[in-house]
């Protein structure tokens, strides 16, 4: 029959199968069969690569920010250190200048003169305040009626006359003492005491007569302070004058810090003005001059 298979056909078919199996055996373990990526895997790898690059950019940006912040901190620290060094340098220069002023005779003389001006100015302010208080108080004691009374206005002049006379005596005594004029000292002291007693009496007599001792003491403070301030002014002016004279003698022979010539030698008038407070000169003693001998 036509459909019957002969043994030769089976052998041929089996030979073809063996041949095909041998061809497949040569390629079935090739890495390309398992190493090739599918389309889904290619998309996944693309997404992964993009995410990795994004993270890498973020990390590089963070590193850049950290570096910039570190640079800013380093700059700020350097600026702070530089400012501290500048402050220390300025403070050191001020200390050196202060030490120079403390040890320099010229600076000490200038400081002494400044202190003298401040002290005497402050005492002058105390005297002025006391004069104003006393003038108003005396006016109130003498003419309490009001502005219609002429004495209301002229009573201000009464205390002014007393205070001005007292100031002239005390300041003038200090000035002439610098030149060794010490005569009539008892008369000057008596006038000072009389004027002080008069101004204290004008300020306190209504309260003393009424037995109001506390009010009398309160209203007597201002005129007493005028006298105390003037006495302090007299003593301070004399002491400052002697101190300035001694300091001037020390710097007279020293070179001027500004490059100018030293102070001129002391004249006879200068010697007299600084030494007469300790060695008074009797002006009543005749002076022998060679031109008239």
C-alpha atoms as a PDB file:
ATOM      1  CA  UNK A   1       0.000   0.000   0.000  1.00  0.00           C
ATOM      2  CA  UNK A   2       1.071   3.561  -0.687  1.00  0.00           C
ATOM      3  CA  UNK A   3       0.614   4.745   2.881  1.00  0.00           C
ATOM      4  CA  UNK A   4       2.753   2.179   4.433  1.00  0.00           C
ATOM      5  CA  UNK A   5       6.014   3.430   5.779  1.00  0.00           C
ATOM      6  CA  UNK A   6       9.111   1.555   5.017  1.00  0.00           C
ATOM      7  CA  UNK A   7      12.011   1.214   7.436  1.00  0.00           C
ATOM      8  CA  UNK A   8      14.086   3.442   5.208  1.00  0.00           C
ATOM      9  CA  UNK A   9      11.664   6.304   5.809  1.00  0.00           C
ATOM     10  CA  UNK A  10      11.940   5.914   9.554  1.00  0.00           C
ATOM     11  CA  UNK A  11      15.669   5.938   9.395  1.00  0.00           C
ATOM     12  CA  UNK A  12      15.662   9.046   7.239  1.00  0.00           C
ATOM     13  CA  UNK A  13      13.283  10.815   9.560  1.00  0.00           C
ATOM     14  CA  UNK A  14      15.313   9.854  12.593  1.00  0.00           C
ATOM     15  CA  UNK A  15      18.458  11.040  10.871  1.00  0.00           C
ATOM     16  CA  UNK A  16      16.874  14.411  10.260  1.00  0.00           C
ATOM     17  CA  UNK A  17      15.868  14.668  13.909  1.00  0.00           C
ATOM     18  CA  UNK A  18      19.363  13.851  15.045  1.00  0.00           C
ATOM     19  CA  UNK A  19      20.785  16.404  12.694  1.00  0.00           C
ATOM     20  CA  UNK A  20      18.380  19.032  13.950  1.00  0.00           C
ATOM     21  CA  UNK A  21      19.141  18.192  17.574  1.00  0.00           C
ATOM     22  CA  UNK A  22      22.839  18.501  16.908  1.00  0.00           C
ATOM     23  CA  UNK A  23      22.327  21.943  15.371  1.00  0.00           C
ATOM     24  CA  UNK A  24      20.238  23.075  18.331  1.00  0.00           C
ATOM     25  CA  UNK A  25      22.764  21.695  20.778  1.00  0.00           C
ATOM     26  CA  UNK A  26      25.390  23.994  19.315  1.00  0.00           C
ATOM     27  CA  UNK A  27      23.357  27.187  20.096  1.00  0.00           C
ATOM     28  CA  UNK A  28      21.165  26.367  23.073  1.00  0.00           C
ATOM     29  CA  UNK A  29      23.797  27.387  25.630  1.00  0.00           C
ATOM     30  CA  UNK A  30      24.808  30.619  23.863  1.00  0.00           C
ATOM     31  CA  UNK A  31      24.689  33.597  26.399  1.00  0.00           C
ATOM     32  CA  UNK A  32      22.879  35.718  23.877  1.00  0.00           C
ATOM     33  CA  UNK A  33      19.728  33.659  24.434  1.00  0.00           C
ATOM     34  CA  UNK A  34      19.548  34.671  28.140  1.00  0.00           C
ATOM     35  CA  UNK A  35      21.555  37.940  28.151  1.00  0.00           C
ATOM     36  CA  UNK A  36      19.424  39.864  25.688  1.00  0.00           C
ATOM     37  CA  UNK A  37      16.991  42.261  27.482  1.00  0.00           C
ATOM     38  CA  UNK A  38      13.359  42.471  26.623  1.00  0.00           C
ATOM     39  CA  UNK A  39      11.596  45.745  25.803  1.00  0.00           C
ATOM     40  CA  UNK A  40      10.149  45.982  29.321  1.00  0.00           C
ATOM     41  CA  UNK A  41      13.582  45.457  30.808  1.00  0.00           C
ATOM     42  CA  UNK A  42      15.077  48.113  28.550  1.00  0.00           C
ATOM     43  CA  UNK A  43      12.484  50.648  29.747  1.00  0.00           C
ATOM     44  CA  UNK A  44      13.131  49.715  33.377  1.00  0.00           C
ATOM     45  CA  UNK A  45      16.883  50.131  32.922  1.00  0.00           C
ATOM     46  CA  UNK A  46      16.303  53.530  31.303  1.00  0.00           C
ATOM     47  CA  UNK A  47      14.199  54.720  34.257  1.00  0.00           C
ATOM     48  CA  UNK A  48      16.813  53.411  36.705  1.00  0.00           C
ATOM     49  CA  UNK A  49      19.611  55.212  34.892  1.00  0.00           C
ATOM     50  CA  UNK A  50      17.634  58.477  34.954  1.00  0.00           C
ATOM     51  CA  UNK A  51      16.952  58.165  38.680  1.00  0.00           C
ATOM     52  CA  UNK A  52      20.618  57.443  39.360  1.00  0.00           C
ATOM     53  CA  UNK A  53      21.649  60.522  37.391  1.00  0.00           C
ATOM     54  CA  UNK A  54      19.063  62.632  39.268  1.00  0.00           C
ATOM     55  CA  UNK A  55      20.382  61.452  42.635  1.00  0.00           C
ATOM     56  CA  UNK A  56      23.913  62.126  41.482  1.00  0.00           C
ATOM     57  CA  UNK A  57      23.024  65.701  40.503  1.00  0.00           C
ATOM     58  CA  UNK A  58      21.331  66.248  43.875  1.00  0.00           C
ATOM     59  CA  UNK A  59      24.383  64.960  45.716  1.00  0.00           C
ATOM     60  CA  UNK A  60      26.701  67.194  43.695  1.00  0.00           C
ATOM     61  CA  UNK A  61      24.451  70.208  44.439  1.00  0.00           C
ATOM     62  CA  UNK A  62      24.476  69.391  48.164  1.00  0.00           C
ATOM     63  CA  UNK A  63      28.266  69.140  48.085  1.00  0.00           C
ATOM     64  CA  UNK A  64      28.426  72.516  46.329  1.00  0.00           C
ATOM     65  CA  UNK A  65      26.108  74.090  48.937  1.00  0.00           C
ATOM     66  CA  UNK A  66      28.125  72.598  51.802  1.00  0.00           C
ATOM     67  CA  UNK A  67      31.354  73.890  50.261  1.00  0.00           C
ATOM     68  CA  UNK A  68      29.877  77.377  49.829  1.00  0.00           C
ATOM     69  CA  UNK A  69      28.594  77.388  53.428  1.00  0.00           C
ATOM     70  CA  UNK A  70      32.002  76.286  54.692  1.00  0.00           C
ATOM     71  CA  UNK A  71      33.649  79.038  52.661  1.00  0.00           C
ATOM     72  CA  UNK A  72      31.241  81.602  54.109  1.00  0.00           C
ATOM     73  CA  UNK A  73      31.950  80.412  57.649  1.00  0.00           C
ATOM     74  CA  UNK A  74      35.674  80.531  57.035  1.00  0.00           C
ATOM     75  CA  UNK A  75      35.385  84.054  55.613  1.00  0.00           C
ATOM     76  CA  UNK A  76      33.243  85.239  58.509  1.00  0.00           C
ATOM     77  CA  UNK A  77      35.666  83.703  60.990  1.00  0.00           C
ATOM     78  CA  UNK A  78      38.604  85.386  59.292  1.00  0.00           C
ATOM     79  CA  UNK A  79      36.770  88.717  59.311  1.00  0.00           C
ATOM     80  CA  UNK A  80      35.927  88.344  63.007  1.00  0.00           C
ATOM     81  CA  UNK A  81      39.534  87.505  63.829  1.00  0.00           C
ATOM     82  CA  UNK A  82      40.752  90.470  61.785  1.00  0.00           C
ATOM     83  CA  UNK A  83      38.302  92.828  63.515  1.00  0.00           C
ATOM     84  CA  UNK A  84      39.355  91.508  66.912  1.00  0.00           C
ATOM     85  CA  UNK A  85      43.011  92.053  66.020  1.00  0.00           C
ATOM     86  CA  UNK A  86      42.232  95.598  64.849  1.00  0.00           C
ATOM     87  CA  UNK A  87      40.373  96.316  68.102  1.00  0.00           C
ATOM     88  CA  UNK A  88      43.278  94.948  70.105  1.00  0.00           C
ATOM     89  CA  UNK A  89      45.698  97.061  68.078  1.00  0.00           C
ATOM     90  CA  UNK A  90      43.640 100.212  68.600  1.00  0.00           C
ATOM     91  CA  UNK A  91      43.301  99.456  72.309  1.00  0.00           C
ATOM     92  CA  UNK A  92      47.035  98.898  72.555  1.00  0.00           C
ATOM     93  CA  UNK A  93      47.689 102.201  70.805  1.00  0.00           C
ATOM     94  CA  UNK A  94      45.293 103.950  73.167  1.00  0.00           C
ATOM     95  CA  UNK A  95      47.069 102.367  76.116  1.00  0.00           C
ATOM     96  CA  UNK A  96      50.441 103.470  74.769  1.00  0.00           C
ATOM     97  CA  UNK A  97      49.118 106.991  74.203  1.00  0.00           C
ATOM     98  CA  UNK A  98      47.639 107.055  77.708  1.00  0.00           C
ATOM     99  CA  UNK A  99      50.943 105.876  79.146  1.00  0.00           C
ATOM    100  CA  UNK A 100      52.771 108.562  77.213  1.00  0.00           C
ATOM    101  CA  UNK A 101      50.351 111.187  78.454  1.00  0.00           C
ATOM    102  CA  UNK A 102      50.757 109.943  82.000  1.00  0.00           C
ATOM    103  CA  UNK A 103      54.541 110.077  81.794  1.00  0.00           C
ATOM    104  CA  UNK A 104      54.929 113.159  79.589  1.00  0.00           C
ATOM    105  CA  UNK A 105      55.518 116.408  81.532  1.00  0.00           C
ATOM    106  CA  UNK A 106      53.844 118.400  78.769  1.00  0.00           C
ATOM    107  CA  UNK A 107      50.715 116.208  78.867  1.00  0.00           C
ATOM    108  CA  UNK A 108      50.616 116.364  82.653  1.00  0.00           C
ATOM    109  CA  UNK A 109      50.851 120.149  82.514  1.00  0.00           C
ATOM    110  CA  UNK A 110      47.998 120.296  79.988  1.00  0.00           C
ATOM    111  CA  UNK A 111      45.901 117.931  82.114  1.00  0.00           C
ATOM    112  CA  UNK A 112      46.562 120.066  85.172  1.00  0.00           C
ATOM    113  CA  UNK A 113      45.425 123.175  83.301  1.00  0.00           C
ATOM    114  CA  UNK A 114      42.257 121.423  82.096  1.00  0.00           C
ATOM    115  CA  UNK A 115      41.405 120.256  85.595  1.00  0.00           C
ATOM    116  CA  UNK A 116      41.970 123.777  86.880  1.00  0.00           C
ATOM    117  CA  UNK A 117      39.564 125.228  84.292  1.00  0.00           C
ATOM    118  CA  UNK A 118      36.886 122.594  85.028  1.00  0.00           C
ATOM    119  CA  UNK A 119      37.181 122.977  88.793  1.00  0.00           C
ATOM    120  CA  UNK A 120      37.056 126.762  88.815  1.00  0.00           C
ATOM    121  CA  UNK A 121      34.212 126.736  86.284  1.00  0.00           C
ATOM    122  CA  UNK A 122      32.186 124.348  88.449  1.00  0.00           C
ATOM    123  CA  UNK A 123      32.787 126.529  91.517  1.00  0.00           C
ATOM    124  CA  UNK A 124      31.677 129.553  89.511  1.00  0.00           C
ATOM    125  CA  UNK A 125      28.455 127.695  88.684  1.00  0.00           C
ATOM    126  CA  UNK A 126      27.881 126.964  92.380  1.00  0.00           C
ATOM    127  CA  UNK A 127      28.399 130.645  93.228  1.00  0.00           C
ATOM    128  CA  UNK A 128      26.016 131.748  90.450  1.00  0.00           C
ATOM    129  CA  UNK A 129      23.308 129.336  91.616  1.00  0.00           C
ATOM    130  CA  UNK A 130      23.724 130.506  95.214  1.00  0.00           C
ATOM    131  CA  UNK A 131      23.520 134.151  94.151  1.00  0.00           C
ATOM    132  CA  UNK A 132      20.263 133.538  92.259  1.00  0.00           C
ATOM    133  CA  UNK A 133      18.732 131.675  95.186  1.00  0.00           C
ATOM    134  CA  UNK A 134      19.836 134.305  97.672  1.00  0.00           C
ATOM    135  CA  UNK A 135      18.608 137.184  95.490  1.00  0.00           C
ATOM    136  CA  UNK A 136      15.141 135.664  95.153  1.00  0.00           C
ATOM    137  CA  UNK A 137      15.013 134.747  98.846  1.00  0.00           C
ATOM    138  CA  UNK A 138      16.094 138.206  99.990  1.00  0.00           C
ATOM    139  CA  UNK A 139      13.600 139.819  97.635  1.00  0.00           C
ATOM    140  CA  UNK A 140      10.845 137.628  99.078  1.00  0.00           C
ATOM    141  CA  UNK A 141      11.889 138.539 102.643  1.00  0.00           C
ATOM    142  CA  UNK A 142      12.140 142.298 102.058  1.00  0.00           C
ATOM    143  CA  UNK A 143       9.312 142.990  99.589  1.00  0.00           C
ATOM    144  CA  UNK A 144       6.768 140.185  99.486  1.00  0.00           C
ATOM    145  CA  UNK A 145       4.011 142.555  98.348  1.00  0.00           C
ATOM    146  CA  UNK A 146       4.300 142.109  94.605  1.00  0.00           C
ATOM    147  CA  UNK A 147       5.546 143.789  91.415  1.00  0.00           C
ATOM    148  CA  UNK A 148       3.595 147.000  92.197  1.00  0.00           C
ATOM    149  CA  UNK A 149       6.002 147.770  95.020  1.00  0.00           C
ATOM    150  CA  UNK A 150       9.213 149.434  93.669  1.00  0.00           C
ATOM    151  CA  UNK A 151      11.160 147.744  96.432  1.00  0.00           C
ATOM    152  CA  UNK A 152      10.094 144.434  94.890  1.00  0.00           C
ATOM    153  CA  UNK A 153      12.535 145.036  92.042  1.00  0.00           C
ATOM    154  CA  UNK A 154      15.274 146.945  93.852  1.00  0.00           C
ATOM    155  CA  UNK A 155      15.525 144.274  96.543  1.00  0.00           C
ATOM    156  CA  UNK A 156      17.198 142.020  93.975  1.00  0.00           C
ATOM    157  CA  UNK A 157      20.051 144.516  93.796  1.00  0.00           C
ATOM    158  CA  UNK A 158      20.686 144.338  97.540  1.00  0.00           C
ATOM    159  CA  UNK A 159      21.791 140.722  97.496  1.00  0.00           C
ATOM    160  CA  UNK A 160      23.610 141.291  94.213  1.00  0.00           C
ATOM    161  CA  UNK A 161      25.681 144.102  95.770  1.00  0.00           C
ATOM    162  CA  UNK A 162      26.666 141.913  98.686  1.00  0.00           C
ATOM    163  CA  UNK A 163      27.486 138.844  96.588  1.00  0.00           C
ATOM    164  CA  UNK A 164      29.426 140.784  93.950  1.00  0.00           C
ATOM    165  CA  UNK A 165      31.467 142.557  96.633  1.00  0.00           C
ATOM    166  CA  UNK A 166      32.198 139.235  98.284  1.00  0.00           C
ATOM    167  CA  UNK A 167      33.277 137.685  94.974  1.00  0.00           C
ATOM    168  CA  UNK A 168      35.533 140.624  94.133  1.00  0.00           C
ATOM    169  CA  UNK A 169      37.215 140.505  97.530  1.00  0.00           C
ATOM    170  CA  UNK A 170      37.850 136.763  97.530  1.00  0.00           C
ATOM    171  CA  UNK A 171      38.953 136.425  93.909  1.00  0.00           C
ATOM    172  CA  UNK A 172      40.936 139.666  94.037  1.00  0.00           C
ATOM    173  CA  UNK A 173      42.720 138.511  97.182  1.00  0.00           C
ATOM    174  CA  UNK A 174      43.812 135.360  95.399  1.00  0.00           C
ATOM    175  CA  UNK A 175      45.079 137.312  92.400  1.00  0.00           C
ATOM    176  CA  UNK A 176      47.144 139.813  94.384  1.00  0.00           C
ATOM    177  CA  UNK A 177      48.485 137.024  96.605  1.00  0.00           C
ATOM    178  CA  UNK A 178      50.070 135.512  93.492  1.00  0.00           C
ATOM    179  CA  UNK A 179      52.240 138.658  93.383  1.00  0.00           C
ATOM    180  CA  UNK A 180      53.059 138.610  97.072  1.00  0.00           C
ATOM    181  CA  UNK A 181      50.689 141.406  98.145  1.00  0.00           C
ATOM    182  CA  UNK A 182      49.592 140.234 101.614  1.00  0.00           C
ATOM    183  CA  UNK A 183      49.075 143.470 103.498  1.00  0.00           C
ATOM    184  CA  UNK A 184      45.714 144.405 105.133  1.00  0.00           C
ATOM    185  CA  UNK A 185      44.886 140.758 105.386  1.00  0.00           C
ATOM    186  CA  UNK A 186      42.944 141.225 108.614  1.00  0.00           C
ATOM    187  CA  UNK A 187      40.806 143.976 107.077  1.00  0.00           C
ATOM    188  CA  UNK A 188      40.014 141.812 104.077  1.00  0.00           C
ATOM    189  CA  UNK A 189      39.055 138.890 106.333  1.00  0.00           C
ATOM    190  CA  UNK A 190      36.848 141.172 108.449  1.00  0.00           C
ATOM    191  CA  UNK A 191      35.090 142.464 105.319  1.00  0.00           C
ATOM    192  CA  UNK A 192      34.538 138.930 104.078  1.00  0.00           C
ATOM    193  CA  UNK A 193      33.064 137.797 107.376  1.00  0.00           C
ATOM    194  CA  UNK A 194      30.849 140.895 107.570  1.00  0.00           C
ATOM    195  CA  UNK A 195      29.500 140.389 104.055  1.00  0.00           C
ATOM    196  CA  UNK A 196      28.871 136.685 104.669  1.00  0.00           C
ATOM    197  CA  UNK A 197      27.100 137.441 107.929  1.00  0.00           C
ATOM    198  CA  UNK A 198      25.035 140.131 106.215  1.00  0.00           C
ATOM    199  CA  UNK A 199      23.888 137.898 103.362  1.00  0.00           C
ATOM    200  CA  UNK A 200      23.119 135.051 105.766  1.00  0.00           C
ATOM    201  CA  UNK A 201      21.148 137.449 107.954  1.00  0.00           C
ATOM    202  CA  UNK A 202      19.140 138.829 105.026  1.00  0.00           C
ATOM    203  CA  UNK A 203      18.239 135.296 103.953  1.00  0.00           C
ATOM    204  CA  UNK A 204      17.266 133.980 107.379  1.00  0.00           C
ATOM    205  CA  UNK A 205      16.083 136.883 109.593  1.00  0.00           C
ATOM    206  CA  UNK A 206      12.321 136.334 109.109  1.00  0.00           C
ATOM    207  CA  UNK A 207      12.627 132.723 110.177  1.00  0.00           C
ATOM    208  CA  UNK A 208      15.010 133.398 113.059  1.00  0.00           C
ATOM    209  CA  UNK A 209      12.696 136.083 114.467  1.00  0.00           C
ATOM    210  CA  UNK A 210       9.774 133.672 114.258  1.00  0.00           C
ATOM    211  CA  UNK A 211      11.747 130.861 115.876  1.00  0.00           C
ATOM    212  CA  UNK A 212      11.522 128.672 112.770  1.00  0.00           C
ATOM    213  CA  UNK A 213      15.038 127.323 113.028  1.00  0.00           C
ATOM    214  CA  UNK A 214      14.635 124.610 110.450  1.00  0.00           C
ATOM    215  CA  UNK A 215      13.478 127.097 107.795  1.00  0.00           C
ATOM    216  CA  UNK A 216      16.281 129.420 108.821  1.00  0.00           C
ATOM    217  CA  UNK A 217      18.823 126.652 108.321  1.00  0.00           C
ATOM    218  CA  UNK A 218      17.327 125.720 104.943  1.00  0.00           C
ATOM    219  CA  UNK A 219      17.356 129.304 103.662  1.00  0.00           C
ATOM    220  CA  UNK A 220      20.860 129.839 104.985  1.00  0.00           C
ATOM    221  CA  UNK A 221      22.345 127.036 102.888  1.00  0.00           C
ATOM    222  CA  UNK A 222      22.651 129.079  99.685  1.00  0.00           C
ATOM    223  CA  UNK A 223      24.574 132.072 101.129  1.00  0.00           C
ATOM    224  CA  UNK A 224      26.794 129.763 103.157  1.00  0.00           C
ATOM    225  CA  UNK A 225      27.537 127.750 100.026  1.00  0.00           C
ATOM    226  CA  UNK A 226      28.522 130.971  98.255  1.00  0.00           C
ATOM    227  CA  UNK A 227      31.113 131.610 100.934  1.00  0.00           C
ATOM    228  CA  UNK A 228      32.302 128.004 100.973  1.00  0.00           C
ATOM    229  CA  UNK A 229      32.556 127.922  97.174  1.00  0.00           C
ATOM    230  CA  UNK A 230      34.539 131.147  97.137  1.00  0.00           C
ATOM    231  CA  UNK A 231      36.882 129.881  99.830  1.00  0.00           C
ATOM    232  CA  UNK A 232      37.390 126.667  97.864  1.00  0.00           C
ATOM    233  CA  UNK A 233      37.911 128.747  94.727  1.00  0.00           C
ATOM    234  CA  UNK A 234      40.557 130.793  96.521  1.00  0.00           C
ATOM    235  CA  UNK A 235      42.413 127.739  97.820  1.00  0.00           C
ATOM    236  CA  UNK A 236      42.063 125.721  94.601  1.00  0.00           C
ATOM    237  CA  UNK A 237      43.211 128.590  92.417  1.00  0.00           C
ATOM    238  CA  UNK A 238      46.287 129.121  94.565  1.00  0.00           C
ATOM    239  CA  UNK A 239      47.151 125.414  94.631  1.00  0.00           C
ATOM    240  CA  UNK A 240      46.599 124.989  90.905  1.00  0.00           C
ATOM    241  CA  UNK A 241      48.698 128.085  90.265  1.00  0.00           C
ATOM    242  CA  UNK A 242      51.615 126.720  92.264  1.00  0.00           C
ATOM    243  CA  UNK A 243      51.276 123.296  90.660  1.00  0.00           C
ATOM    244  CA  UNK A 244      51.227 124.793  87.161  1.00  0.00           C
ATOM    245  CA  UNK A 245      54.296 126.865  88.072  1.00  0.00           C
ATOM    246  CA  UNK A 246      56.184 123.765  89.245  1.00  0.00           C
ATOM    247  CA  UNK A 247      55.106 121.807  86.149  1.00  0.00           C
ATOM    248  CA  UNK A 248      56.180 124.654  83.885  1.00  0.00           C
ATOM    249  CA  UNK A 249      59.610 124.624  85.463  1.00  0.00           C
ATOM    250  CA  UNK A 250      59.930 120.906  84.730  1.00  0.00           C
ATOM    251  CA  UNK A 251      59.041 121.227  81.051  1.00  0.00           C
ATOM    252  CA  UNK A 252      60.891 124.492  80.447  1.00  0.00           C
ATOM    253  CA  UNK A 253      64.174 122.832  79.523  1.00  0.00           C
ATOM    254  CA  UNK A 254      62.633 119.809  77.776  1.00  0.00           C
ATOM    255  CA  UNK A 255      62.277 119.661  73.971  1.00  0.00           C
ATOM    256  CA  UNK A 256      58.851 120.523  72.639  1.00  0.00           C
ATOM    257  CA  UNK A 257      57.031 117.399  71.285  1.00  0.00           C
ATOM    258  CA  UNK A 258      55.827 119.444  68.288  1.00  0.00           C
ATOM    259  CA  UNK A 259      59.392 120.299  67.272  1.00  0.00           C
ATOM    260  CA  UNK A 260      59.376 123.917  68.438  1.00  0.00           C
ATOM    261  CA  UNK A 261      62.081 125.475  70.542  1.00  0.00           C
ATOM    262  CA  UNK A 262      62.009 124.862  74.316  1.00  0.00           C
ATOM    263  CA  UNK A 263      60.295 127.378  76.554  1.00  0.00           C
ATOM    264  CA  UNK A 264      62.346 130.524  77.259  1.00  0.00           C
ATOM    265  CA  UNK A 265      64.273 130.803  80.442  1.00  0.00           C
ATOM    266  CA  UNK A 266      62.415 132.022  83.446  1.00  0.00           C
ATOM    267  CA  UNK A 267      62.369 135.784  83.957  1.00  0.00           C
ATOM    268  CA  UNK A 268      62.453 137.642  87.234  1.00  0.00           C
ATOM    269  CA  UNK A 269      58.720 138.401  86.989  1.00  0.00           C
ATOM    270  CA  UNK A 270      57.939 134.690  86.493  1.00  0.00           C
ATOM    271  CA  UNK A 271      60.056 133.759  89.476  1.00  0.00           C
ATOM    272  CA  UNK A 272      58.264 136.336  91.560  1.00  0.00           C
ATOM    273  CA  UNK A 273      54.771 135.214  90.473  1.00  0.00           C
ATOM    274  CA  UNK A 274      55.319 131.552  91.426  1.00  0.00           C
ATOM    275  CA  UNK A 275      57.408 132.003  94.543  1.00  0.00           C
ATOM    276  CA  UNK A 276      55.672 134.958  96.171  1.00  0.00           C
ATOM    277  CA  UNK A 277      52.923 132.761  97.625  1.00  0.00           C
ATOM    278  CA  UNK A 278      55.581 131.123  99.793  1.00  0.00           C
ATOM    279  CA  UNK A 279      57.980 134.103 100.051  1.00  0.00           C
ATOM    280  CA  UNK A 280      55.941 137.318 100.180  1.00  0.00           C
ATOM    281  CA  UNK A 281      57.494 140.606  99.165  1.00  0.00           C
ATOM    282  CA  UNK A 282      56.991 143.741 101.191  1.00  0.00           C
ATOM    283  CA  UNK A 283      56.046 146.395  98.642  1.00  0.00           C
ATOM    284  CA  UNK A 284      56.455 149.144 101.197  1.00  0.00           C
ATOM    285  CA  UNK A 285      60.216 148.554 101.304  1.00  0.00           C
ATOM    286  CA  UNK A 286      61.961 151.013  98.950  1.00  0.00           C
ATOM    287  CA  UNK A 287      63.691 149.473  95.966  1.00  0.00           C
ATOM    288  CA  UNK A 288      67.194 150.731  95.257  1.00  0.00           C
ATOM    289  CA  UNK A 289      67.774 151.296  91.575  1.00  0.00           C
ATOM    290  CA  UNK A 290      71.175 151.984  90.101  1.00  0.00           C
ATOM    291  CA  UNK A 291      69.915 154.699  87.752  1.00  0.00           C
ATOM    292  CA  UNK A 292      68.782 156.949  90.602  1.00  0.00           C
ATOM    293  CA  UNK A 293      71.484 156.226  93.193  1.00  0.00           C
END
